[in-house]
Protein backbone atom coordinates (compact mmCIF):
# COMPACT_ATOMS: atom_id res chain seq x y z
CA GLN A 1 -13.67 15.32 -12.96
CA VAL A 2 -12.22 15.65 -9.48
CA GLN A 3 -8.65 14.50 -9.09
CA LEU A 4 -6.74 14.17 -5.83
CA VAL A 5 -3.01 13.52 -5.91
CA GLU A 6 -1.25 12.54 -2.70
CA SER A 7 2.43 12.66 -1.86
CA GLY A 8 4.82 12.61 1.08
CA GLY A 9 4.64 9.01 2.23
CA GLY A 10 7.69 6.93 2.98
CA SER A 11 9.47 4.82 5.57
CA VAL A 12 10.51 6.21 8.94
CA GLN A 13 11.61 5.03 12.35
CA ALA A 14 9.22 5.12 15.28
CA GLY A 15 9.15 8.61 16.76
CA GLY A 16 9.83 10.24 13.42
CA SER A 17 7.71 12.60 11.34
CA LEU A 18 6.22 12.84 7.88
CA ARG A 19 4.16 15.49 6.11
CA LEU A 20 1.60 14.31 3.59
CA SER A 21 0.08 16.53 0.93
CA CYS A 22 -2.95 16.17 -1.32
CA VAL A 23 -3.50 18.49 -4.26
CA GLY A 24 -7.00 18.64 -5.72
CA SER A 25 -8.35 19.78 -9.06
CA GLY A 26 -11.73 19.89 -10.79
CA PHE A 27 -13.55 20.66 -7.55
CA THR A 28 -17.15 21.75 -7.25
CA TYR A 29 -18.13 24.16 -4.50
CA ALA A 30 -19.20 21.25 -2.30
CA ASP A 31 -15.89 19.49 -2.90
CA ARG A 32 -14.03 22.54 -1.59
CA LYS A 33 -16.03 22.74 1.65
CA TRP A 34 -14.67 19.64 3.37
CA ARG A 35 -11.57 17.49 3.19
CA VAL A 36 -10.47 14.39 5.06
CA TRP A 37 -7.61 11.94 5.53
CA PHE A 38 -8.26 8.22 5.81
CA ARG A 39 -5.90 5.32 6.33
CA GLN A 40 -6.09 1.61 5.68
CA ALA A 41 -3.77 -1.19 6.71
CA PRO A 42 -3.86 -4.54 4.85
CA GLY A 43 -6.94 -6.51 5.86
CA GLU A 44 -8.37 -3.57 7.80
CA GLU A 45 -11.14 -1.05 7.27
CA ARG A 46 -10.45 2.30 5.69
CA ASP A 47 -11.17 4.74 8.52
CA GLY A 48 -11.15 8.51 8.72
CA ILE A 49 -8.45 10.00 10.94
CA ALA A 50 -8.60 13.76 10.31
CA PHE A 51 -11.23 16.17 8.95
CA ILE A 52 -11.13 19.85 8.04
CA ASN A 53 -13.58 22.43 6.70
CA PHE A 54 -12.92 24.99 3.97
CA ASP A 55 -11.17 27.62 6.07
CA GLY A 56 -9.61 25.36 8.69
CA SER A 57 -11.85 26.62 11.49
CA LEU A 58 -13.26 23.15 12.16
CA THR A 59 -11.14 20.04 12.59
CA PHE A 60 -11.82 16.56 13.91
CA TYR A 61 -9.40 13.75 14.71
CA ASP A 62 -9.64 10.10 15.52
CA ASP A 63 -8.45 9.36 19.05
CA SER A 64 -5.62 7.23 17.70
CA VAL A 65 -3.89 10.27 16.17
CA LYS A 66 -5.13 13.16 18.29
CA GLY A 67 -2.24 15.18 19.66
CA ARG A 68 0.23 13.69 17.17
CA PHE A 69 -1.24 14.53 13.75
CA THR A 70 -2.34 17.93 12.47
CA ILE A 71 -4.51 18.55 9.41
CA SER A 72 -4.29 21.86 7.59
CA GLN A 73 -5.40 23.31 4.28
CA ASP A 74 -4.49 25.89 1.69
CA SER A 75 -7.78 26.70 -0.01
CA ALA A 76 -6.17 28.85 -2.71
CA LYS A 77 -4.16 25.83 -3.84
CA ASN A 78 -6.89 23.24 -3.16
CA THR A 79 -4.35 21.46 -1.02
CA VAL A 80 -4.68 19.66 2.29
CA HIS A 81 -1.76 18.53 4.46
CA LEU A 82 -1.30 16.05 7.25
CA GLN A 83 1.63 16.64 9.57
CA MET A 84 2.38 13.38 11.37
CA ASN A 85 4.63 13.48 14.42
CA SER A 86 5.64 10.87 17.00
CA LEU A 87 4.89 8.12 14.51
CA LYS A 88 4.26 4.60 15.79
CA PRO A 89 4.42 1.24 14.01
CA GLU A 90 0.63 1.12 14.38
CA ASP A 91 0.44 4.11 12.01
CA THR A 92 1.71 1.96 9.14
CA ALA A 93 -0.96 2.11 6.44
CA MET A 94 -1.94 3.48 3.08
CA TYR A 95 -3.09 7.07 3.58
CA TYR A 96 -5.82 8.58 1.38
CA CYS A 97 -7.37 11.99 1.05
CA ALA A 98 -10.97 12.48 -0.02
CA SER A 99 -13.53 15.15 -0.89
CA GLY A 100 -17.25 15.23 -1.66
CA TRP A 101 -18.71 14.73 1.82
CA ASN A 102 -22.43 13.97 2.02
CA GLY A 103 -22.76 15.37 5.54
CA HIS A 104 -23.02 12.04 7.35
CA THR A 105 -20.47 10.44 9.68
CA TRP A 106 -17.18 11.89 8.48
CA TYR A 107 -14.95 8.94 9.36
CA HIS A 108 -16.96 6.42 7.33
CA ARG A 109 -15.61 5.68 3.87
CA GLN A 110 -19.01 5.49 2.18
CA ASN A 111 -19.79 9.13 2.93
CA TRP A 112 -17.10 10.51 0.62
CA ASP A 113 -17.29 10.57 -3.17
CA ASN A 114 -13.80 11.38 -4.41
CA TRP A 115 -10.54 9.67 -3.54
CA GLY A 116 -6.85 10.00 -4.15
CA GLN A 117 -4.64 7.07 -5.08
CA GLY A 118 -3.10 6.79 -1.63
CA THR A 119 0.43 7.14 -0.34
CA GLN A 120 2.15 4.48 1.74
CA VAL A 121 3.46 5.22 5.23
CA THR A 122 5.64 2.61 6.92
CA VAL A 123 6.88 3.06 10.49
CA SER A 124 9.49 0.66 11.83
CA SER A 125 10.35 -0.02 15.45
C-alpha cells in the first residue's frame, strides 16, 4: 500500500518562504516515475501546481507559481520537496502530494491514484 506523508506547512507572512516535504513508501515502479504537488483552498478545485519525473530532469509548473516555487526530488529517499518563496495570500491552501500518474493531464486530480493527507499553508498579508 502506497503511503505519502507530507510535512512543512504552517503560517507565514506575505513574502516569506516555506519548504514542504512528502515522504513516500510502498511504491511500485510506476509510482516512482512521477510525482506532483496539488493545492486546494476551501470551496475550490484541487489543482496541480508542480510536477517532476523520477530523476528531476522534467518539471512543470502552473503559471500561478512559476518563478516562485521549485519542485525537487530525492529518489533514494522516495521524497519530493516544494520550496515556496515570495508567498502570497492567494497561496493559502491545503497542499497535497500524489503519485500513480496515468499519463493524462498532470494537473487534473483524477489522473493520480495515491494521495497524501495534506499540509496546510496559510499566508497572511
